Amino acid sequence: MEKNKLAVKRVIKTVVALFATLAVVLGVLYLISSLIKGDKVDYTEKDASIYYFSADYDADPLDDEVYAEKSRGVYFTDMSGLGEYLTEADLSAPTARGLFYRYFSALMNGDAASHRSLLSDDYADNFTIQERFTPQKVYDISVSFLSGDSEDGTRYERYSVAYKIYKNDGTYRADVGSDTAKNMVFELVYGSGSMPLINSIVPNLS
């Protein structure tokens, strides 16, 4: 009888120890996950020095007469130095032209799902992806080819991108105030026969 009691106690101690170990492991994994997440670049982190307008997810940007008068086209300059505005004909092109047309269309429509589809796995590993944002009042948009190269058969291209947001609410970008252009570098990665994806977006420090 005494032996049975000791055996039960040993089992209980073992179970408690296992649960304690599991709790420690889960805690460490949570900490590591938090640290990794904290290392991601997050363009939606609010800045106390910037004023943000109220977010309206149901708004139609073109109902704002002031914004409707602004230039909303995407002026694209290719590697040859030729510049022109993108058109709807570029929508499905498996090129940078098609990607940027779709990217800014997603922003203007507040279409987070379409926006996510334009981002690579590497982007998701290094940047926080906006799960939801309002229709963005973007204007004065320019995209210019910077450089391109290939590595292990994969094509990479980098573009200088600048645009302004009228009445910025910070749901897509909180790193800039309203009507302020901040030049960024977009790196695109090309898969085999598919639309290129955005691999990274970083400030242009040059």
N, C-alpha and C. Protein backbone atom coordinates (compact mmCIF):
# COMPACT_ATOMS: atom_id res chain seq x y z
N MET A 1 0.83 -1.20 0.00
CA MET A 1 0.00 0.00 0.00
C MET A 1 0.87 1.25 0.00
N GLU A 2 1.89 1.22 0.84
CA GLU A 2 2.81 2.35 0.93
C GLU A 2 3.56 2.53 -0.38
N LYS A 3 3.91 1.39 -1.00
CA LYS A 3 4.62 1.46 -2.27
C LYS A 3 3.74 2.09 -3.35
N ASN A 4 2.46 1.76 -3.33
CA ASN A 4 1.54 2.33 -4.30
C ASN A 4 1.43 3.85 -4.14
N LYS A 5 1.39 4.30 -2.85
CA LYS A 5 1.32 5.73 -2.59
C LYS A 5 2.56 6.44 -3.12
N LEU A 6 3.73 5.82 -2.89
CA LEU A 6 4.99 6.41 -3.38
C LEU A 6 5.01 6.47 -4.91
N ALA A 7 4.49 5.41 -5.52
CA ALA A 7 4.46 5.36 -6.99
C ALA A 7 3.57 6.46 -7.54
N VAL A 8 2.41 6.65 -6.89
CA VAL A 8 1.49 7.70 -7.33
C VAL A 8 2.13 9.08 -7.18
N LYS A 9 2.83 9.27 -6.04
CA LYS A 9 3.51 10.56 -5.81
C LYS A 9 4.56 10.83 -6.88
N ARG A 10 5.31 9.73 -7.22
CA ARG A 10 6.34 9.91 -8.27
C ARG A 10 5.70 10.30 -9.60
N VAL A 11 4.57 9.66 -9.93
CA VAL A 11 3.89 9.97 -11.18
C VAL A 11 3.41 11.42 -11.18
N ILE A 12 2.85 11.85 -10.04
CA ILE A 12 2.35 13.22 -9.93
C ILE A 12 3.50 14.22 -10.09
N LYS A 13 4.63 13.92 -9.43
CA LYS A 13 5.80 14.81 -9.52
C LYS A 13 6.32 14.88 -10.95
N THR A 14 6.31 13.71 -11.62
CA THR A 14 6.79 13.68 -13.01
C THR A 14 5.89 14.51 -13.91
N VAL A 15 4.56 14.34 -13.73
CA VAL A 15 3.61 15.09 -14.54
C VAL A 15 3.75 16.59 -14.30
N VAL A 16 3.88 16.96 -13.01
CA VAL A 16 4.06 18.39 -12.66
C VAL A 16 5.33 18.94 -13.30
N ALA A 17 6.42 18.14 -13.23
CA ALA A 17 7.68 18.57 -13.82
C ALA A 17 7.56 18.74 -15.33
N LEU A 18 6.84 17.80 -15.97
CA LEU A 18 6.65 17.90 -17.42
C LEU A 18 5.87 19.14 -17.80
N PHE A 19 4.80 19.42 -17.04
CA PHE A 19 4.01 20.61 -17.31
C PHE A 19 4.83 21.88 -17.09
N ALA A 20 5.66 21.87 -16.04
CA ALA A 20 6.51 23.03 -15.76
C ALA A 20 7.52 23.25 -16.89
N THR A 21 8.10 22.13 -17.35
CA THR A 21 9.05 22.23 -18.46
C THR A 21 8.37 22.73 -19.72
N LEU A 22 7.15 22.21 -19.99
CA LEU A 22 6.39 22.64 -21.16
C LEU A 22 6.07 24.13 -21.08
N ALA A 23 5.72 24.58 -19.88
CA ALA A 23 5.40 25.99 -19.70
C ALA A 23 6.62 26.86 -19.98
N VAL A 24 7.79 26.41 -19.52
CA VAL A 24 9.02 27.17 -19.77
C VAL A 24 9.32 27.21 -21.27
N VAL A 25 9.19 26.05 -21.92
CA VAL A 25 9.46 25.98 -23.37
C VAL A 25 8.52 26.90 -24.13
N LEU A 26 7.22 26.85 -23.79
CA LEU A 26 6.25 27.72 -24.46
C LEU A 26 6.55 29.18 -24.21
N GLY A 27 6.99 29.49 -22.99
CA GLY A 27 7.35 30.88 -22.66
C GLY A 27 8.53 31.35 -23.49
N VAL A 28 9.52 30.49 -23.64
CA VAL A 28 10.71 30.84 -24.44
C VAL A 28 10.32 31.03 -25.90
N LEU A 29 9.49 30.10 -26.40
CA LEU A 29 9.05 30.22 -27.79
C LEU A 29 8.26 31.50 -28.01
N TYR A 30 7.42 31.85 -27.05
CA TYR A 30 6.65 33.09 -27.15
C TYR A 30 7.57 34.30 -27.16
N LEU A 31 8.59 34.27 -26.30
CA LEU A 31 9.55 35.37 -26.23
C LEU A 31 10.31 35.51 -27.54
N ILE A 32 10.76 34.36 -28.07
CA ILE A 32 11.48 34.39 -29.35
C ILE A 32 10.57 34.94 -30.45
N SER A 33 9.32 34.46 -30.45
CA SER A 33 8.37 34.93 -31.46
C SER A 33 8.15 36.43 -31.34
N SER A 34 8.05 36.92 -30.11
CA SER A 34 7.84 38.36 -29.89
C SER A 34 9.04 39.16 -30.36
N LEU A 35 10.23 38.63 -30.08
CA LEU A 35 11.45 39.33 -30.49
C LEU A 35 11.55 39.39 -32.00
N ILE A 36 11.24 38.25 -32.64
CA ILE A 36 11.29 38.22 -34.11
C ILE A 36 10.27 39.19 -34.68
N LYS A 37 9.08 39.20 -34.13
CA LYS A 37 8.04 40.11 -34.60
C LYS A 37 8.45 41.56 -34.38
N GLY A 38 9.11 41.81 -33.26
CA GLY A 38 9.54 43.16 -32.95
C GLY A 38 10.61 43.66 -33.89
N ASP A 39 11.34 42.74 -34.52
CA ASP A 39 12.39 43.13 -35.46
C ASP A 39 11.83 43.51 -36.82
N LYS A 40 10.58 43.21 -37.07
CA LYS A 40 9.99 43.53 -38.37
C LYS A 40 9.80 45.04 -38.50
N VAL A 41 10.00 45.53 -39.71
CA VAL A 41 9.75 46.93 -40.00
C VAL A 41 8.23 47.13 -40.06
N ASP A 42 7.75 48.12 -39.33
CA ASP A 42 6.30 48.35 -39.27
C ASP A 42 6.01 49.81 -39.62
N TYR A 43 5.47 50.02 -40.80
CA TYR A 43 5.19 51.38 -41.25
C TYR A 43 3.88 51.93 -40.70
N THR A 44 3.20 51.16 -39.84
CA THR A 44 1.95 51.66 -39.25
C THR A 44 2.14 52.11 -37.80
N GLU A 45 3.37 52.10 -37.30
CA GLU A 45 3.62 52.59 -35.94
C GLU A 45 3.44 54.09 -35.91
N LYS A 46 2.52 54.56 -35.06
CA LYS A 46 2.18 55.97 -34.99
C LYS A 46 3.32 56.79 -34.39
N ASP A 47 3.45 58.01 -34.89
CA ASP A 47 4.47 58.95 -34.44
C ASP A 47 3.76 60.13 -33.79
N ALA A 48 4.08 60.41 -32.54
CA ALA A 48 3.39 61.46 -31.80
C ALA A 48 3.55 62.83 -32.45
N SER A 49 4.57 62.99 -33.26
CA SER A 49 4.81 64.30 -33.89
C SER A 49 4.00 64.50 -35.17
N ILE A 50 3.28 63.46 -35.60
CA ILE A 50 2.51 63.53 -36.85
C ILE A 50 1.01 63.55 -36.54
N TYR A 51 0.29 64.42 -37.23
CA TYR A 51 -1.17 64.46 -37.08
C TYR A 51 -1.80 63.50 -38.08
N TYR A 52 -2.71 62.65 -37.59
CA TYR A 52 -3.41 61.70 -38.45
C TYR A 52 -4.90 62.04 -38.48
N PHE A 53 -5.47 61.98 -39.66
CA PHE A 53 -6.90 62.21 -39.80
C PHE A 53 -7.67 60.97 -39.34
N SER A 54 -8.94 61.13 -39.08
CA SER A 54 -9.78 60.00 -38.64
C SER A 54 -9.92 58.99 -39.79
N ALA A 55 -9.90 57.71 -39.42
CA ALA A 55 -10.00 56.64 -40.41
C ALA A 55 -11.45 56.36 -40.75
N ASP A 56 -11.76 56.31 -42.05
CA ASP A 56 -13.10 55.98 -42.52
C ASP A 56 -12.96 54.89 -43.58
N TYR A 57 -13.26 53.65 -43.18
CA TYR A 57 -13.06 52.51 -44.07
C TYR A 57 -14.10 52.44 -45.19
N ASP A 58 -15.18 53.17 -45.05
CA ASP A 58 -16.23 53.14 -46.07
C ASP A 58 -16.18 54.33 -47.01
N ALA A 59 -15.19 55.18 -46.85
CA ALA A 59 -15.13 56.41 -47.63
C ALA A 59 -14.77 56.13 -49.09
N ASP A 60 -15.32 56.93 -49.97
CA ASP A 60 -14.90 56.94 -51.37
C ASP A 60 -14.01 58.17 -51.54
N PRO A 61 -12.69 57.95 -51.75
CA PRO A 61 -11.77 59.09 -51.85
C PRO A 61 -12.21 60.15 -52.86
N LEU A 62 -12.86 59.73 -53.94
CA LEU A 62 -13.24 60.68 -54.99
C LEU A 62 -14.43 61.56 -54.59
N ASP A 63 -15.05 61.25 -53.45
CA ASP A 63 -16.10 62.13 -52.93
C ASP A 63 -15.49 63.42 -52.38
N ASP A 64 -14.18 63.38 -52.11
CA ASP A 64 -13.47 64.57 -51.63
C ASP A 64 -13.07 65.38 -52.86
N GLU A 65 -13.69 66.54 -53.04
CA GLU A 65 -13.47 67.33 -54.24
C GLU A 65 -12.02 67.80 -54.38
N VAL A 66 -11.38 68.09 -53.27
CA VAL A 66 -9.99 68.54 -53.33
C VAL A 66 -9.09 67.42 -53.82
N TYR A 67 -9.29 66.22 -53.26
CA TYR A 67 -8.47 65.08 -53.69
C TYR A 67 -8.77 64.71 -55.13
N ALA A 68 -10.03 64.78 -55.53
CA ALA A 68 -10.42 64.40 -56.88
C ALA A 68 -9.72 65.25 -57.94
N GLU A 69 -9.29 66.44 -57.57
CA GLU A 69 -8.61 67.33 -58.51
C GLU A 69 -7.11 67.06 -58.59
N LYS A 70 -6.59 66.22 -57.71
CA LYS A 70 -5.15 65.97 -57.69
C LYS A 70 -4.76 64.92 -58.73
N SER A 71 -3.47 64.90 -59.09
CA SER A 71 -2.96 63.94 -60.07
C SER A 71 -2.81 62.57 -59.42
N ARG A 72 -3.59 61.60 -59.90
CA ARG A 72 -3.59 60.27 -59.28
C ARG A 72 -2.95 59.21 -60.18
N GLY A 73 -2.43 59.61 -61.33
CA GLY A 73 -1.78 58.66 -62.22
C GLY A 73 -0.42 58.25 -61.70
N VAL A 74 0.04 57.10 -62.17
CA VAL A 74 1.36 56.58 -61.78
C VAL A 74 2.35 56.87 -62.92
N TYR A 75 3.28 57.79 -62.68
CA TYR A 75 4.26 58.13 -63.71
C TYR A 75 5.45 57.19 -63.56
N PHE A 76 5.64 56.35 -64.58
CA PHE A 76 6.61 55.27 -64.53
C PHE A 76 7.75 55.53 -65.50
N THR A 77 8.99 55.48 -64.97
CA THR A 77 10.17 55.65 -65.81
C THR A 77 10.94 54.34 -65.83
N ASP A 78 11.13 53.78 -67.05
CA ASP A 78 11.77 52.46 -67.16
C ASP A 78 13.30 52.58 -67.22
N MET A 79 13.96 51.45 -67.41
CA MET A 79 15.42 51.42 -67.37
C MET A 79 16.06 52.20 -68.52
N SER A 80 15.31 52.47 -69.58
CA SER A 80 15.86 53.24 -70.69
C SER A 80 15.72 54.74 -70.46
N GLY A 81 15.02 55.11 -69.38
CA GLY A 81 14.80 56.52 -69.08
C GLY A 81 13.51 57.06 -69.66
N LEU A 82 12.73 56.20 -70.33
CA LEU A 82 11.46 56.62 -70.90
C LEU A 82 10.40 56.69 -69.81
N GLY A 83 9.74 57.83 -69.69
CA GLY A 83 8.71 58.00 -68.67
C GLY A 83 7.34 58.24 -69.26
N GLU A 84 6.32 57.60 -68.69
CA GLU A 84 4.93 57.80 -69.12
C GLU A 84 3.99 57.29 -68.03
N TYR A 85 2.74 57.71 -68.11
CA TYR A 85 1.77 57.28 -67.12
C TYR A 85 1.29 55.86 -67.43
N LEU A 86 1.16 55.05 -66.39
CA LEU A 86 0.61 53.71 -66.55
C LEU A 86 -0.87 53.80 -66.87
N THR A 87 -1.36 52.82 -67.61
CA THR A 87 -2.77 52.78 -67.96
C THR A 87 -3.34 51.42 -67.58
N GLU A 88 -4.64 51.27 -67.73
CA GLU A 88 -5.30 50.00 -67.41
C GLU A 88 -4.77 48.86 -68.25
N ALA A 89 -4.18 49.19 -69.40
CA ALA A 89 -3.60 48.15 -70.26
C ALA A 89 -2.42 47.47 -69.59
N ASP A 90 -1.83 48.13 -68.57
CA ASP A 90 -0.69 47.55 -67.85
C ASP A 90 -1.13 46.60 -66.74
N LEU A 91 -2.41 46.55 -66.45
CA LEU A 91 -2.92 45.82 -65.29
C LEU A 91 -2.42 44.39 -65.18
N SER A 92 -2.49 43.65 -66.28
CA SER A 92 -2.14 42.23 -66.24
C SER A 92 -0.73 41.92 -66.72
N ALA A 93 0.03 42.94 -67.06
CA ALA A 93 1.38 42.71 -67.56
C ALA A 93 2.26 42.09 -66.49
N PRO A 94 2.96 40.97 -66.79
CA PRO A 94 3.83 40.31 -65.79
C PRO A 94 5.17 41.04 -65.67
N THR A 95 5.09 42.34 -65.43
CA THR A 95 6.26 43.20 -65.37
C THR A 95 6.11 44.17 -64.21
N ALA A 96 7.13 45.00 -64.02
CA ALA A 96 7.05 46.02 -62.98
C ALA A 96 5.89 46.98 -63.25
N ARG A 97 5.62 47.25 -64.51
CA ARG A 97 4.51 48.14 -64.85
C ARG A 97 3.19 47.59 -64.30
N GLY A 98 2.97 46.30 -64.55
CA GLY A 98 1.75 45.67 -64.05
C GLY A 98 1.68 45.66 -62.54
N LEU A 99 2.81 45.36 -61.91
CA LEU A 99 2.82 45.30 -60.45
C LEU A 99 2.49 46.66 -59.84
N PHE A 100 3.13 47.72 -60.33
CA PHE A 100 2.89 49.04 -59.73
C PHE A 100 1.48 49.55 -60.02
N TYR A 101 0.93 49.20 -61.18
CA TYR A 101 -0.46 49.58 -61.45
C TYR A 101 -1.38 48.91 -60.44
N ARG A 102 -1.17 47.63 -60.21
CA ARG A 102 -2.00 46.88 -59.26
C ARG A 102 -1.76 47.34 -57.82
N TYR A 103 -0.51 47.67 -57.50
CA TYR A 103 -0.17 48.12 -56.14
C TYR A 103 -0.92 49.40 -55.78
N PHE A 104 -0.84 50.40 -56.65
CA PHE A 104 -1.49 51.66 -56.32
C PHE A 104 -3.01 51.57 -56.44
N SER A 105 -3.51 50.69 -57.30
CA SER A 105 -4.96 50.44 -57.35
C SER A 105 -5.43 49.85 -56.02
N ALA A 106 -4.65 48.91 -55.46
CA ALA A 106 -5.00 48.31 -54.18
C ALA A 106 -5.02 49.35 -53.07
N LEU A 107 -4.06 50.26 -53.08
CA LEU A 107 -4.02 51.32 -52.06
C LEU A 107 -5.23 52.23 -52.18
N MET A 108 -5.53 52.67 -53.39
CA MET A 108 -6.65 53.59 -53.60
C MET A 108 -7.99 52.96 -53.24
N ASN A 109 -8.08 51.64 -53.40
CA ASN A 109 -9.34 50.93 -53.11
C ASN A 109 -9.41 50.38 -51.69
N GLY A 110 -8.33 50.54 -50.93
CA GLY A 110 -8.31 49.96 -49.59
C GLY A 110 -8.41 48.46 -49.62
N ASP A 111 -7.82 47.84 -50.65
CA ASP A 111 -7.93 46.39 -50.88
C ASP A 111 -6.71 45.68 -50.28
N ALA A 112 -6.81 45.31 -49.01
CA ALA A 112 -5.69 44.69 -48.31
C ALA A 112 -5.35 43.31 -48.86
N ALA A 113 -6.34 42.57 -49.33
CA ALA A 113 -6.09 41.23 -49.87
C ALA A 113 -5.27 41.31 -51.16
N SER A 114 -5.65 42.22 -52.06
CA SER A 114 -4.90 42.39 -53.30
C SER A 114 -3.49 42.89 -53.00
N HIS A 115 -3.38 43.78 -52.04
CA HIS A 115 -2.08 44.30 -51.62
C HIS A 115 -1.19 43.16 -51.13
N ARG A 116 -1.75 42.28 -50.30
CA ARG A 116 -0.97 41.16 -49.76
C ARG A 116 -0.49 40.24 -50.86
N SER A 117 -1.29 40.07 -51.90
CA SER A 117 -0.93 39.15 -52.98
C SER A 117 0.28 39.65 -53.78
N LEU A 118 0.67 40.91 -53.60
CA LEU A 118 1.79 41.48 -54.33
C LEU A 118 3.09 41.42 -53.55
N LEU A 119 3.07 40.80 -52.37
CA LEU A 119 4.24 40.76 -51.48
C LEU A 119 4.85 39.36 -51.45
N SER A 120 6.17 39.31 -51.46
CA SER A 120 6.88 38.02 -51.44
C SER A 120 6.93 37.45 -50.02
N ASP A 121 7.35 36.20 -49.92
CA ASP A 121 7.51 35.56 -48.61
C ASP A 121 8.60 36.26 -47.80
N ASP A 122 9.66 36.70 -48.47
CA ASP A 122 10.73 37.43 -47.78
C ASP A 122 10.20 38.73 -47.20
N TYR A 123 9.30 39.39 -47.93
CA TYR A 123 8.70 40.61 -47.40
C TYR A 123 7.94 40.30 -46.10
N ALA A 124 7.16 39.23 -46.13
CA ALA A 124 6.37 38.85 -44.95
C ALA A 124 7.26 38.52 -43.76
N ASP A 125 8.46 38.01 -44.02
CA ASP A 125 9.38 37.67 -42.94
C ASP A 125 10.01 38.90 -42.29
N ASN A 126 10.09 39.99 -43.04
CA ASN A 126 10.85 41.15 -42.57
C ASN A 126 10.04 42.42 -42.34
N PHE A 127 8.79 42.42 -42.80
CA PHE A 127 7.96 43.61 -42.67
C PHE A 127 6.58 43.23 -42.15
N THR A 128 6.02 44.09 -41.32
CA THR A 128 4.64 43.89 -40.88
C THR A 128 3.71 44.23 -42.03
N ILE A 129 2.79 43.33 -42.33
CA ILE A 129 1.85 43.54 -43.44
C ILE A 129 0.54 44.09 -42.88
N GLN A 130 0.07 45.16 -43.49
CA GLN A 130 -1.16 45.78 -43.04
C GLN A 130 -2.35 44.85 -43.33
N GLU A 131 -3.02 44.41 -42.29
CA GLU A 131 -4.16 43.50 -42.48
C GLU A 131 -5.39 44.25 -42.96
N ARG A 132 -5.42 45.55 -42.70
CA ARG A 132 -6.57 46.36 -43.08
C ARG A 132 -6.13 47.81 -43.18
N PHE A 133 -6.61 48.51 -44.20
CA PHE A 133 -6.34 49.94 -44.30
C PHE A 133 -7.46 50.60 -45.10
N THR A 134 -7.63 51.88 -44.88
CA THR A 134 -8.68 52.62 -45.57
C THR A 134 -8.29 52.88 -47.02
N PRO A 135 -9.25 53.21 -47.89
CA PRO A 135 -8.89 53.66 -49.24
C PRO A 135 -7.95 54.86 -49.12
N GLN A 136 -6.76 54.72 -49.68
CA GLN A 136 -5.73 55.74 -49.52
C GLN A 136 -5.82 56.81 -50.61
N LYS A 137 -5.76 58.07 -50.17
CA LYS A 137 -5.84 59.20 -51.09
C LYS A 137 -4.44 59.54 -51.59
N VAL A 138 -3.88 58.63 -52.37
CA VAL A 138 -2.52 58.82 -52.86
C VAL A 138 -2.53 59.66 -54.14
N TYR A 139 -1.48 60.45 -54.31
CA TYR A 139 -1.37 61.30 -55.51
C TYR A 139 0.09 61.68 -55.73
N ASP A 140 0.37 62.37 -56.84
CA ASP A 140 1.74 62.73 -57.23
C ASP A 140 2.65 61.51 -57.14
N ILE A 141 2.28 60.46 -57.85
CA ILE A 141 2.97 59.17 -57.76
C ILE A 141 4.04 59.06 -58.85
N SER A 142 5.25 58.74 -58.46
CA SER A 142 6.32 58.53 -59.44
C SER A 142 7.10 57.27 -59.10
N VAL A 143 7.43 56.51 -60.14
CA VAL A 143 8.19 55.27 -60.01
C VAL A 143 9.32 55.31 -61.03
N SER A 144 10.56 55.15 -60.59
CA SER A 144 11.70 55.23 -61.51
C SER A 144 12.65 54.06 -61.30
N PHE A 145 13.04 53.42 -62.39
CA PHE A 145 13.99 52.31 -62.32
C PHE A 145 15.33 52.79 -61.77
N LEU A 146 15.88 52.00 -60.83
CA LEU A 146 17.20 52.31 -60.28
C LEU A 146 18.26 51.32 -60.74
N SER A 147 18.01 50.03 -60.53
CA SER A 147 19.01 49.02 -60.89
C SER A 147 18.36 47.65 -60.97
N GLY A 148 19.08 46.72 -61.59
CA GLY A 148 18.60 45.35 -61.69
C GLY A 148 19.75 44.39 -61.80
N ASP A 149 19.55 43.17 -61.30
CA ASP A 149 20.58 42.14 -61.40
C ASP A 149 19.94 40.78 -61.21
N SER A 150 20.70 39.75 -61.49
CA SER A 150 20.22 38.38 -61.34
C SER A 150 21.13 37.61 -60.40
N GLU A 151 20.52 36.73 -59.61
CA GLU A 151 21.28 35.91 -58.66
C GLU A 151 20.69 34.51 -58.67
N ASP A 152 21.51 33.53 -59.01
CA ASP A 152 21.06 32.14 -59.08
C ASP A 152 19.82 31.99 -59.96
N GLY A 153 19.81 32.74 -61.06
CA GLY A 153 18.70 32.63 -62.00
C GLY A 153 17.47 33.44 -61.63
N THR A 154 17.51 34.17 -60.52
CA THR A 154 16.37 34.98 -60.09
C THR A 154 16.66 36.45 -60.37
N ARG A 155 15.71 37.12 -60.98
CA ARG A 155 15.85 38.52 -61.35
C ARG A 155 15.37 39.44 -60.23
N TYR A 156 16.17 40.45 -59.90
CA TYR A 156 15.82 41.46 -58.91
C TYR A 156 15.89 42.84 -59.57
N GLU A 157 14.94 43.68 -59.27
CA GLU A 157 14.95 45.06 -59.76
C GLU A 157 14.60 46.00 -58.62
N ARG A 158 15.20 47.18 -58.65
CA ARG A 158 14.94 48.18 -57.62
C ARG A 158 14.43 49.47 -58.25
N TYR A 159 13.41 50.04 -57.63
CA TYR A 159 12.76 51.25 -58.14
C TYR A 159 12.65 52.31 -57.05
N SER A 160 12.87 53.55 -57.44
CA SER A 160 12.64 54.67 -56.54
C SER A 160 11.16 55.04 -56.66
N VAL A 161 10.47 55.07 -55.52
CA VAL A 161 9.03 55.32 -55.51
C VAL A 161 8.71 56.45 -54.54
N ALA A 162 7.93 57.40 -55.02
CA ALA A 162 7.51 58.51 -54.16
C ALA A 162 6.05 58.84 -54.44
N TYR A 163 5.32 59.16 -53.39
CA TYR A 163 3.93 59.58 -53.53
C TYR A 163 3.50 60.30 -52.26
N LYS A 164 2.42 61.04 -52.37
CA LYS A 164 1.87 61.75 -51.21
C LYS A 164 0.50 61.16 -50.86
N ILE A 165 0.11 61.33 -49.61
CA ILE A 165 -1.21 60.88 -49.15
C ILE A 165 -1.98 62.09 -48.63
N TYR A 166 -3.09 62.38 -49.26
CA TYR A 166 -3.93 63.49 -48.83
C TYR A 166 -4.74 63.05 -47.60
N LYS A 167 -4.71 63.86 -46.55
CA LYS A 167 -5.42 63.55 -45.30
C LYS A 167 -5.05 62.14 -44.80
N ASN A 168 -3.80 61.92 -44.60
CA ASN A 168 -3.31 60.60 -44.18
C ASN A 168 -3.85 60.22 -42.80
N ASP A 169 -4.45 59.03 -42.72
CA ASP A 169 -4.98 58.55 -41.44
C ASP A 169 -4.04 57.55 -40.75
N GLY A 170 -2.94 57.19 -41.40
CA GLY A 170 -1.95 56.32 -40.77
C GLY A 170 -2.29 54.85 -40.81
N THR A 171 -3.39 54.45 -41.43
CA THR A 171 -3.74 53.02 -41.43
C THR A 171 -2.86 52.23 -42.40
N TYR A 172 -2.33 52.89 -43.42
CA TYR A 172 -1.39 52.20 -44.31
C TYR A 172 0.05 52.64 -44.03
N ARG A 173 0.26 53.95 -43.94
CA ARG A 173 1.59 54.46 -43.62
C ARG A 173 1.48 55.53 -42.54
N ALA A 174 2.18 55.28 -41.44
CA ALA A 174 2.20 56.26 -40.36
C ALA A 174 3.56 56.94 -40.25
N ASP A 175 4.46 56.62 -41.18
CA ASP A 175 5.81 57.20 -41.12
C ASP A 175 5.90 58.55 -41.80
N VAL A 176 4.80 58.99 -42.42
CA VAL A 176 4.78 60.31 -43.06
C VAL A 176 3.47 61.02 -42.72
N GLY A 177 3.54 62.35 -42.73
CA GLY A 177 2.33 63.13 -42.53
C GLY A 177 1.59 63.31 -43.84
N SER A 178 0.51 64.03 -43.81
CA SER A 178 -0.27 64.30 -45.01
C SER A 178 0.52 65.17 -45.99
N ASP A 179 0.32 64.90 -47.28
CA ASP A 179 0.89 65.73 -48.35
C ASP A 179 2.42 65.81 -48.28
N THR A 180 3.04 64.74 -47.82
CA THR A 180 4.49 64.68 -47.71
C THR A 180 5.02 63.48 -48.49
N ALA A 181 5.95 63.72 -49.39
CA ALA A 181 6.54 62.63 -50.17
C ALA A 181 7.80 62.14 -49.47
N LYS A 182 7.90 60.84 -49.28
CA LYS A 182 9.11 60.23 -48.71
C LYS A 182 9.59 59.19 -49.70
N ASN A 183 10.75 59.44 -50.28
CA ASN A 183 11.26 58.56 -51.33
C ASN A 183 11.64 57.20 -50.76
N MET A 184 11.10 56.15 -51.38
CA MET A 184 11.36 54.78 -50.93
C MET A 184 11.96 53.96 -52.07
N VAL A 185 12.67 52.89 -51.70
CA VAL A 185 13.19 51.95 -52.69
C VAL A 185 12.41 50.65 -52.58
N PHE A 186 11.76 50.26 -53.68
CA PHE A 186 11.05 48.99 -53.76
C PHE A 186 11.94 48.00 -54.48
N GLU A 187 12.20 46.85 -53.85
CA GLU A 187 12.90 45.78 -54.55
C GLU A 187 11.87 44.78 -55.02
N LEU A 188 11.93 44.44 -56.30
CA LEU A 188 11.03 43.44 -56.87
C LEU A 188 11.80 42.16 -57.15
N VAL A 189 11.13 41.03 -56.97
CA VAL A 189 11.74 39.74 -57.28
C VAL A 189 10.86 39.04 -58.30
N TYR A 190 11.49 38.48 -59.33
CA TYR A 190 10.76 37.82 -60.41
C TYR A 190 10.85 36.31 -60.25
N GLY A 191 9.68 35.65 -60.22
CA GLY A 191 9.64 34.20 -60.26
C GLY A 191 9.62 33.75 -61.71
N SER A 192 9.50 32.46 -61.94
CA SER A 192 9.51 31.94 -63.31
C SER A 192 8.16 32.18 -63.98
N GLY A 193 8.15 33.11 -64.93
CA GLY A 193 6.96 33.36 -65.73
C GLY A 193 5.78 33.92 -64.97
N SER A 194 6.01 34.59 -63.85
CA SER A 194 4.90 35.11 -63.07
C SER A 194 5.08 36.61 -62.84
N MET A 195 4.03 37.23 -62.30
CA MET A 195 4.10 38.63 -61.94
C MET A 195 5.19 38.82 -60.89
N PRO A 196 6.04 39.85 -61.01
CA PRO A 196 7.02 40.09 -59.96
C PRO A 196 6.32 40.42 -58.64
N LEU A 197 7.02 40.22 -57.54
CA LEU A 197 6.48 40.52 -56.22
C LEU A 197 7.38 41.54 -55.53
N ILE A 198 6.81 42.26 -54.59
CA ILE A 198 7.59 43.23 -53.81
C ILE A 198 8.35 42.48 -52.73
N ASN A 199 9.66 42.60 -52.77
CA ASN A 199 10.53 41.87 -51.85
C ASN A 199 10.88 42.70 -50.62
N SER A 200 10.93 44.02 -50.78
CA SER A 200 11.23 44.91 -49.66
C SER A 200 10.86 46.34 -50.03
N ILE A 201 10.60 47.15 -49.00
CA ILE A 201 10.36 48.59 -49.17
C ILE A 201 11.15 49.29 -48.07
N VAL A 202 12.14 50.07 -48.47
CA VAL A 202 12.99 50.74 -47.49
C VAL A 202 13.18 52.20 -47.91
N PRO A 203 13.48 53.09 -46.95
CA PRO A 203 13.74 54.48 -47.33
C PRO A 203 14.92 54.60 -48.28
N ASN A 204 14.82 55.52 -49.22
CA ASN A 204 15.92 55.80 -50.14
C ASN A 204 16.84 56.81 -49.47
N LEU A 205 18.01 56.35 -49.06
CA LEU A 205 18.93 57.20 -48.30
C LEU A 205 19.95 57.89 -49.19
N SER A 206 19.89 57.62 -50.50
CA SER A 206 20.87 58.22 -51.41
C SER A 206 20.47 59.65 -51.76
